[in-house]
């Protein structure tokens, strides 16, 4: 008789595994926006940085 054991799965790992790379990037940017809300950086500074990273990331794929 074979004994099977349940593997404990971390919910965060599961969530990340089902997201596409683009969705993971979007999620990371949302976290960054929240993290920098109280910083002296403006939202425009963060958005500009996000756009730059996205451009660089998506250009590499083409």
Protein backbone atom coordinates (compact mmCIF):
# COMPACT_ATOMS: atom_id res chain seq x y z
CA UNK A 1 0.00 0.00 0.00
CA UNK A 2 1.48 3.33 -1.08
CA UNK A 3 1.42 6.17 1.36
CA UNK A 4 1.02 9.63 -0.07
CA UNK A 5 1.91 12.70 1.86
CA UNK A 6 0.52 16.12 1.25
CA UNK A 7 3.08 18.72 0.39
CA UNK A 8 2.57 21.98 2.20
CA UNK A 9 2.33 24.77 -0.35
CA UNK A 10 3.04 28.37 0.53
CA UNK A 11 0.09 30.46 -0.75
CA UNK A 12 2.45 33.19 -1.95
CA UNK A 13 4.45 30.71 -4.02
CA UNK A 14 1.25 29.33 -5.53
CA UNK A 15 -0.06 32.77 -6.40
CA UNK A 16 3.23 33.72 -8.04
CA UNK A 17 3.35 30.44 -9.96
CA UNK A 18 -0.02 31.03 -11.63
CA UNK A 19 0.74 34.61 -12.68
CA UNK A 20 2.34 35.38 -16.01
CA UNK A 21 5.64 37.27 -15.92
CA UNK A 22 3.79 40.46 -16.92
CA UNK A 23 1.27 39.98 -14.10
CA UNK A 24 4.12 39.41 -11.62
CA UNK A 25 5.76 42.62 -12.80
CA UNK A 26 2.48 44.53 -12.42
CA UNK A 27 2.05 43.11 -8.91
CA UNK A 28 5.59 44.14 -8.00
CA UNK A 29 4.95 47.66 -9.24
CA UNK A 30 1.76 47.91 -7.18
CA UNK A 31 3.70 46.86 -4.10
CA UNK A 32 6.42 49.40 -4.92
CA UNK A 33 3.85 52.18 -5.28
CA UNK A 34 2.45 51.36 -1.84
CA UNK A 35 5.91 51.05 -0.31
CA UNK A 36 7.03 54.46 -1.58
CA UNK A 37 3.82 56.35 -0.75
CA UNK A 38 5.39 58.05 2.29
CA UNK A 39 8.74 58.72 0.59
CA UNK A 40 9.86 62.04 -0.76
CA UNK A 41 9.56 60.58 -4.23
CA UNK A 42 6.48 61.70 -6.03
CA UNK A 43 4.07 59.22 -7.55
CA UNK A 44 5.14 60.66 -10.90
CA UNK A 45 8.78 59.71 -10.11
CA UNK A 46 7.73 56.15 -9.30
CA UNK A 47 5.49 55.93 -12.38
CA UNK A 48 8.32 57.19 -14.59
CA UNK A 49 10.66 54.57 -13.14
CA UNK A 50 8.03 51.88 -13.72
CA UNK A 51 7.57 52.94 -17.33
CA UNK A 52 11.34 52.85 -17.87
CA UNK A 53 11.64 49.34 -16.41
CA UNK A 54 8.67 48.12 -18.43
CA UNK A 55 10.13 49.55 -21.63
CA UNK A 56 13.47 47.88 -20.97
CA UNK A 57 11.82 44.58 -20.01
CA UNK A 58 9.47 44.40 -22.99
CA UNK A 59 12.10 45.58 -25.48
CA UNK A 60 14.31 42.64 -24.49
CA UNK A 61 11.48 40.21 -25.33
CA UNK A 62 11.08 41.48 -28.89
